[in-house]
N, C-alpha and C. Protein backbone atom coordinates (compact mmCIF):
# COMPACT_ATOMS: atom_id res chain seq x y z
N UNK A 1 -4.30 0.03 -34.55
CA UNK A 1 -2.86 -0.10 -34.73
C UNK A 1 -2.20 -0.37 -33.38
N UNK A 2 -1.44 -1.47 -33.32
CA UNK A 2 -0.78 -1.84 -32.08
C UNK A 2 0.44 -0.95 -31.85
N UNK A 3 0.56 -0.44 -30.64
CA UNK A 3 1.73 0.36 -30.27
C UNK A 3 2.17 0.03 -28.86
N UNK A 4 3.47 -0.09 -28.68
CA UNK A 4 4.11 -0.17 -27.38
C UNK A 4 5.19 0.90 -27.37
N UNK A 5 5.05 1.86 -26.48
CA UNK A 5 5.98 2.99 -26.46
C UNK A 5 6.62 3.10 -25.08
N UNK A 6 7.93 2.86 -25.05
CA UNK A 6 8.68 2.94 -23.80
C UNK A 6 9.13 4.37 -23.53
N UNK A 7 9.27 4.69 -22.24
CA UNK A 7 9.79 5.99 -21.83
C UNK A 7 10.43 5.84 -20.46
N UNK A 8 11.17 6.87 -20.06
CA UNK A 8 11.75 6.88 -18.72
C UNK A 8 13.23 6.55 -18.66
N UNK A 9 13.81 6.20 -19.78
CA UNK A 9 15.24 5.90 -19.78
C UNK A 9 16.08 7.15 -19.64
N UNK A 10 17.39 6.96 -19.48
CA UNK A 10 18.27 8.10 -19.35
C UNK A 10 19.60 7.71 -18.75
N UNK A 11 20.34 8.73 -18.34
CA UNK A 11 21.64 8.55 -17.71
C UNK A 11 21.49 8.68 -16.20
N UNK A 12 22.01 7.71 -15.48
CA UNK A 12 21.92 7.72 -14.02
C UNK A 12 23.23 7.23 -13.43
N UNK A 13 23.58 7.71 -12.25
CA UNK A 13 24.81 7.27 -11.59
C UNK A 13 24.60 5.90 -10.95
N UNK A 14 25.68 5.16 -10.77
CA UNK A 14 25.56 3.88 -10.04
C UNK A 14 24.91 4.10 -8.67
N UNK A 15 24.01 3.18 -8.34
CA UNK A 15 23.25 3.30 -7.10
C UNK A 15 21.96 4.07 -7.23
N UNK A 16 21.76 4.69 -8.38
CA UNK A 16 20.55 5.48 -8.61
C UNK A 16 19.36 4.64 -9.03
N UNK A 17 18.27 5.34 -9.32
CA UNK A 17 17.01 4.69 -9.68
C UNK A 17 16.42 5.31 -10.94
N UNK A 18 15.67 4.50 -11.66
CA UNK A 18 14.87 4.95 -12.79
C UNK A 18 13.57 4.16 -12.80
N UNK A 19 12.55 4.76 -13.36
CA UNK A 19 11.28 4.07 -13.57
C UNK A 19 10.93 4.11 -15.05
N UNK A 20 10.88 2.95 -15.65
CA UNK A 20 10.50 2.85 -17.05
C UNK A 20 9.00 2.62 -17.17
N UNK A 21 8.43 3.17 -18.23
CA UNK A 21 7.02 2.94 -18.55
C UNK A 21 6.90 2.41 -19.97
N UNK A 22 5.86 1.64 -20.20
CA UNK A 22 5.55 1.12 -21.54
C UNK A 22 4.05 1.33 -21.75
N UNK A 23 3.70 2.29 -22.59
CA UNK A 23 2.30 2.60 -22.87
C UNK A 23 1.82 1.75 -24.03
N UNK A 24 0.75 1.02 -23.82
CA UNK A 24 0.23 0.09 -24.83
C UNK A 24 -1.08 0.60 -25.41
N UNK A 25 -1.30 0.31 -26.68
CA UNK A 25 -2.56 0.64 -27.33
C UNK A 25 -2.78 -0.27 -28.51
N UNK A 26 -4.05 -0.43 -28.89
CA UNK A 26 -4.39 -1.21 -30.07
C UNK A 26 -4.61 -2.69 -29.84
N UNK A 27 -4.55 -3.14 -28.60
CA UNK A 27 -4.83 -4.55 -28.28
C UNK A 27 -5.32 -4.63 -26.84
N UNK A 28 -5.83 -5.81 -26.47
CA UNK A 28 -6.41 -6.02 -25.13
C UNK A 28 -5.30 -6.23 -24.11
N UNK A 29 -4.76 -5.16 -23.61
CA UNK A 29 -3.58 -5.19 -22.74
C UNK A 29 -3.73 -6.18 -21.59
N UNK A 30 -4.86 -6.20 -20.94
CA UNK A 30 -5.06 -7.04 -19.77
C UNK A 30 -4.98 -8.52 -20.06
N UNK A 31 -5.11 -8.91 -21.31
CA UNK A 31 -5.09 -10.33 -21.69
C UNK A 31 -3.70 -10.82 -22.08
N UNK A 32 -2.72 -9.95 -22.00
CA UNK A 32 -1.37 -10.28 -22.46
C UNK A 32 -0.39 -10.38 -21.31
N UNK A 33 0.51 -11.35 -21.40
CA UNK A 33 1.67 -11.42 -20.54
C UNK A 33 2.63 -10.31 -20.98
N UNK A 34 3.13 -9.55 -20.03
CA UNK A 34 4.01 -8.42 -20.35
C UNK A 34 5.39 -8.65 -19.77
N UNK A 35 6.38 -8.27 -20.54
CA UNK A 35 7.77 -8.49 -20.12
C UNK A 35 8.64 -7.30 -20.49
N UNK A 36 9.73 -7.17 -19.74
CA UNK A 36 10.81 -6.25 -20.09
C UNK A 36 12.02 -7.10 -20.50
N UNK A 37 12.63 -6.71 -21.60
CA UNK A 37 13.87 -7.29 -22.07
C UNK A 37 14.92 -6.17 -22.15
N UNK A 38 16.18 -6.58 -22.19
CA UNK A 38 17.24 -5.59 -22.41
C UNK A 38 18.32 -6.19 -23.29
N UNK A 39 19.00 -5.28 -24.00
CA UNK A 39 20.11 -5.71 -24.84
C UNK A 39 21.23 -4.69 -24.71
N UNK A 40 22.36 -5.19 -24.23
CA UNK A 40 23.56 -4.36 -24.11
C UNK A 40 24.39 -4.48 -25.38
N UNK A 41 25.23 -3.48 -25.67
CA UNK A 41 26.05 -3.54 -26.88
C UNK A 41 26.89 -4.81 -26.93
N UNK A 42 26.83 -5.52 -28.04
CA UNK A 42 27.63 -6.72 -28.23
C UNK A 42 27.12 -7.95 -27.50
N UNK A 43 25.94 -7.83 -26.88
CA UNK A 43 25.38 -8.96 -26.15
C UNK A 43 24.01 -9.33 -26.69
N UNK A 44 23.59 -10.55 -26.38
CA UNK A 44 22.26 -10.99 -26.79
C UNK A 44 21.19 -10.35 -25.90
N UNK A 45 20.01 -10.25 -26.48
CA UNK A 45 18.89 -9.73 -25.69
C UNK A 45 18.55 -10.72 -24.57
N UNK A 46 18.26 -10.19 -23.39
CA UNK A 46 17.93 -11.05 -22.26
C UNK A 46 16.63 -10.60 -21.61
N UNK A 47 15.92 -11.59 -21.07
CA UNK A 47 14.68 -11.33 -20.35
C UNK A 47 15.02 -10.77 -18.98
N UNK A 48 14.40 -9.65 -18.64
CA UNK A 48 14.64 -9.01 -17.35
C UNK A 48 13.56 -9.39 -16.34
N UNK A 49 12.29 -9.24 -16.74
CA UNK A 49 11.19 -9.50 -15.82
C UNK A 49 9.91 -9.71 -16.60
N UNK A 50 9.00 -10.48 -15.99
CA UNK A 50 7.71 -10.79 -16.60
C UNK A 50 6.60 -10.62 -15.56
N UNK A 51 5.45 -10.13 -16.02
CA UNK A 51 4.25 -10.10 -15.17
C UNK A 51 3.11 -10.72 -15.97
N UNK A 52 2.44 -11.68 -15.34
CA UNK A 52 1.36 -12.38 -16.03
C UNK A 52 0.06 -11.59 -15.97
N UNK A 53 -0.98 -12.16 -16.58
CA UNK A 53 -2.29 -11.50 -16.53
C UNK A 53 -2.85 -11.49 -15.11
N UNK A 54 -2.38 -12.41 -14.27
CA UNK A 54 -2.80 -12.46 -12.86
C UNK A 54 -1.85 -11.70 -11.96
N UNK A 55 -0.92 -10.96 -12.58
CA UNK A 55 0.06 -10.14 -11.86
C UNK A 55 1.10 -10.94 -11.09
N UNK A 56 1.31 -12.19 -11.46
CA UNK A 56 2.46 -12.94 -10.94
C UNK A 56 3.71 -12.45 -11.65
N UNK A 57 4.80 -12.40 -10.91
CA UNK A 57 6.03 -11.83 -11.48
C UNK A 57 7.19 -12.82 -11.44
N UNK A 58 8.13 -12.59 -12.34
CA UNK A 58 9.34 -13.40 -12.39
C UNK A 58 10.47 -12.49 -12.84
N UNK A 59 11.68 -12.76 -12.29
CA UNK A 59 12.82 -11.88 -12.55
C UNK A 59 14.06 -12.67 -12.90
N UNK A 60 14.91 -12.05 -13.71
CA UNK A 60 16.24 -12.60 -13.92
C UNK A 60 17.01 -12.51 -12.62
N UNK A 61 17.89 -13.48 -12.38
CA UNK A 61 18.66 -13.49 -11.13
C UNK A 61 19.46 -12.19 -10.96
N UNK A 62 19.91 -11.63 -12.05
CA UNK A 62 20.77 -10.44 -11.99
C UNK A 62 20.04 -9.19 -11.49
N UNK A 63 18.70 -9.20 -11.50
CA UNK A 63 17.97 -8.00 -11.08
C UNK A 63 17.07 -8.26 -9.87
N UNK A 64 17.00 -9.49 -9.40
CA UNK A 64 16.15 -9.80 -8.25
C UNK A 64 16.52 -8.95 -7.05
N UNK A 65 15.49 -8.40 -6.40
CA UNK A 65 15.72 -7.56 -5.23
C UNK A 65 16.03 -6.11 -5.55
N UNK A 66 16.26 -5.82 -6.84
CA UNK A 66 16.56 -4.43 -7.24
C UNK A 66 15.49 -3.86 -8.17
N UNK A 67 14.92 -4.70 -9.03
CA UNK A 67 13.92 -4.26 -10.00
C UNK A 67 12.55 -4.78 -9.61
N UNK A 68 11.52 -4.00 -9.93
CA UNK A 68 10.14 -4.41 -9.70
C UNK A 68 9.31 -4.13 -10.95
N UNK A 69 8.69 -5.18 -11.47
CA UNK A 69 7.80 -5.03 -12.63
C UNK A 69 6.37 -4.94 -12.12
N UNK A 70 5.57 -4.11 -12.78
CA UNK A 70 4.16 -3.99 -12.41
C UNK A 70 3.36 -3.55 -13.62
N UNK A 71 2.07 -3.70 -13.53
CA UNK A 71 1.19 -3.30 -14.63
C UNK A 71 -0.04 -2.59 -14.07
N UNK A 72 -0.57 -1.67 -14.85
CA UNK A 72 -1.81 -0.99 -14.52
C UNK A 72 -2.74 -1.21 -15.71
N UNK A 73 -3.63 -2.17 -15.58
CA UNK A 73 -4.50 -2.51 -16.70
C UNK A 73 -5.48 -1.39 -17.03
N UNK A 74 -5.83 -0.59 -16.04
CA UNK A 74 -6.74 0.53 -16.29
C UNK A 74 -6.08 1.60 -17.18
N UNK A 75 -4.76 1.70 -17.07
CA UNK A 75 -4.02 2.69 -17.86
C UNK A 75 -3.30 2.06 -19.05
N UNK A 76 -3.45 0.75 -19.23
CA UNK A 76 -2.74 0.04 -20.31
C UNK A 76 -1.24 0.34 -20.29
N UNK A 77 -0.67 0.27 -19.11
CA UNK A 77 0.73 0.64 -18.95
C UNK A 77 1.48 -0.39 -18.12
N UNK A 78 2.70 -0.68 -18.57
CA UNK A 78 3.63 -1.56 -17.88
C UNK A 78 4.74 -0.70 -17.29
N UNK A 79 5.23 -1.10 -16.13
CA UNK A 79 6.29 -0.33 -15.46
C UNK A 79 7.47 -1.24 -15.09
N UNK A 80 8.62 -0.61 -14.94
CA UNK A 80 9.78 -1.29 -14.38
C UNK A 80 10.49 -0.29 -13.47
N UNK A 81 10.39 -0.52 -12.18
CA UNK A 81 11.11 0.29 -11.20
C UNK A 81 12.49 -0.32 -11.00
N UNK A 82 13.52 0.46 -11.27
CA UNK A 82 14.88 -0.04 -11.19
C UNK A 82 15.64 0.73 -10.11
N UNK A 83 16.06 0.03 -9.07
CA UNK A 83 16.81 0.64 -7.98
C UNK A 83 18.21 0.04 -7.91
N UNK A 84 19.08 0.71 -7.17
CA UNK A 84 20.46 0.24 -6.98
C UNK A 84 21.10 -0.12 -8.32
N UNK A 85 20.98 0.76 -9.26
CA UNK A 85 21.46 0.47 -10.61
C UNK A 85 22.97 0.32 -10.65
N UNK A 86 23.42 -0.58 -11.53
CA UNK A 86 24.83 -0.87 -11.70
C UNK A 86 25.23 -0.58 -13.15
N UNK A 87 26.51 -0.35 -13.38
CA UNK A 87 26.95 -0.12 -14.77
C UNK A 87 26.56 -1.26 -15.71
N UNK A 88 26.53 -2.48 -15.20
CA UNK A 88 26.16 -3.61 -16.05
C UNK A 88 24.68 -3.65 -16.39
N UNK A 89 23.88 -2.75 -15.82
CA UNK A 89 22.47 -2.63 -16.22
C UNK A 89 22.31 -1.77 -17.47
N UNK A 90 23.39 -1.16 -17.94
CA UNK A 90 23.32 -0.34 -19.14
C UNK A 90 22.89 -1.17 -20.34
N UNK A 91 21.83 -0.71 -21.00
CA UNK A 91 21.27 -1.45 -22.13
C UNK A 91 20.09 -0.68 -22.71
N UNK A 92 19.61 -1.16 -23.84
CA UNK A 92 18.32 -0.70 -24.36
C UNK A 92 17.26 -1.63 -23.78
N UNK A 93 16.27 -1.04 -23.13
CA UNK A 93 15.20 -1.79 -22.49
C UNK A 93 13.94 -1.71 -23.36
N UNK A 94 13.38 -2.88 -23.65
CA UNK A 94 12.19 -2.95 -24.50
C UNK A 94 11.10 -3.74 -23.80
N UNK A 95 9.86 -3.37 -24.07
CA UNK A 95 8.74 -4.14 -23.53
C UNK A 95 8.16 -5.05 -24.61
N UNK A 96 7.60 -6.16 -24.14
CA UNK A 96 7.01 -7.14 -25.04
C UNK A 96 5.66 -7.56 -24.49
N UNK A 97 4.69 -7.66 -25.38
CA UNK A 97 3.37 -8.18 -25.05
C UNK A 97 3.22 -9.53 -25.72
N UNK A 98 2.73 -10.51 -24.98
CA UNK A 98 2.64 -11.88 -25.50
C UNK A 98 1.31 -12.52 -25.12
N UNK A 99 0.63 -13.03 -26.15
CA UNK A 99 -0.62 -13.77 -25.92
C UNK A 99 -0.34 -15.23 -26.27
N UNK A 100 -0.52 -16.13 -25.31
CA UNK A 100 -0.09 -17.52 -25.54
C UNK A 100 -0.89 -18.31 -26.55
N UNK A 101 -2.22 -18.08 -26.61
CA UNK A 101 -3.03 -18.88 -27.51
C UNK A 101 -4.29 -18.14 -27.91
N UNK A 102 -4.47 -17.83 -29.18
CA UNK A 102 -3.49 -18.02 -30.25
C UNK A 102 -2.29 -17.11 -30.02
N UNK A 103 -1.12 -17.60 -30.45
CA UNK A 103 0.10 -16.86 -30.13
C UNK A 103 0.19 -15.58 -30.94
N UNK A 104 0.46 -14.49 -30.21
CA UNK A 104 0.78 -13.21 -30.82
C UNK A 104 1.80 -12.54 -29.92
N UNK A 105 2.70 -11.77 -30.51
CA UNK A 105 3.57 -10.95 -29.68
C UNK A 105 3.84 -9.62 -30.36
N UNK A 106 4.04 -8.61 -29.55
CA UNK A 106 4.32 -7.25 -30.00
C UNK A 106 5.50 -6.71 -29.19
N UNK A 107 6.29 -5.87 -29.86
CA UNK A 107 7.48 -5.29 -29.22
C UNK A 107 7.47 -3.79 -29.34
N UNK A 108 8.00 -3.14 -28.32
CA UNK A 108 8.29 -1.72 -28.41
C UNK A 108 9.67 -1.50 -29.00
N UNK A 109 9.99 -0.24 -29.27
CA UNK A 109 11.28 0.07 -29.89
C UNK A 109 12.41 0.21 -28.88
N UNK A 110 12.06 0.43 -27.63
CA UNK A 110 13.08 0.47 -26.59
C UNK A 110 13.43 1.86 -26.11
N UNK A 111 14.04 1.90 -24.93
CA UNK A 111 14.53 3.14 -24.34
C UNK A 111 15.91 2.85 -23.75
N UNK A 112 16.83 3.79 -23.94
CA UNK A 112 18.21 3.59 -23.50
C UNK A 112 18.35 3.90 -22.01
N UNK A 113 18.99 3.00 -21.30
CA UNK A 113 19.37 3.22 -19.90
C UNK A 113 20.89 3.13 -19.82
N UNK A 114 21.50 4.18 -19.31
CA UNK A 114 22.95 4.22 -19.15
C UNK A 114 23.28 4.50 -17.70
N UNK A 115 24.04 3.60 -17.10
CA UNK A 115 24.45 3.74 -15.70
C UNK A 115 25.95 4.02 -15.69
N UNK A 116 26.30 5.24 -15.33
CA UNK A 116 27.71 5.65 -15.39
C UNK A 116 27.94 6.84 -14.47
N UNK A 117 29.14 6.87 -13.92
CA UNK A 117 29.52 8.03 -13.12
C UNK A 117 30.24 9.07 -13.96
C-alpha cells in the first residue's frame, strides 16, 4: 500500500523556521522524482520545490534562497527546510512522488503551515 505522510507543520512567527518531512512507503522511493507543493486558501496549488533521483533540485522563485529540499533514500523520506518564513508562505504543504515512465504519481494529504505573529 502506497503511503506519503507529511509532518512538521505548525504555527510559526514571521522570520521563523520549520522542517517538513514526508515519509514514503509502498513504492521504490529512490526511483521517483519528489516534490513539495502548497495550496493557500482561495489559490491554486503551486509547485514549491523538486528533487530528482540524482538529487538535482529546483525551486519556485518565491522560495529560492529560503527553502531547501532534500531526500534520504535510505530512510524513504523527503524533507523541506523552510527558513525566513513569511505570512505569504501560509498554506497546506503536500508531497508528491512522480515516476516519469511508465507514469505514476502519488500524493500525501498535506500538513498545514501558518506564518503569523
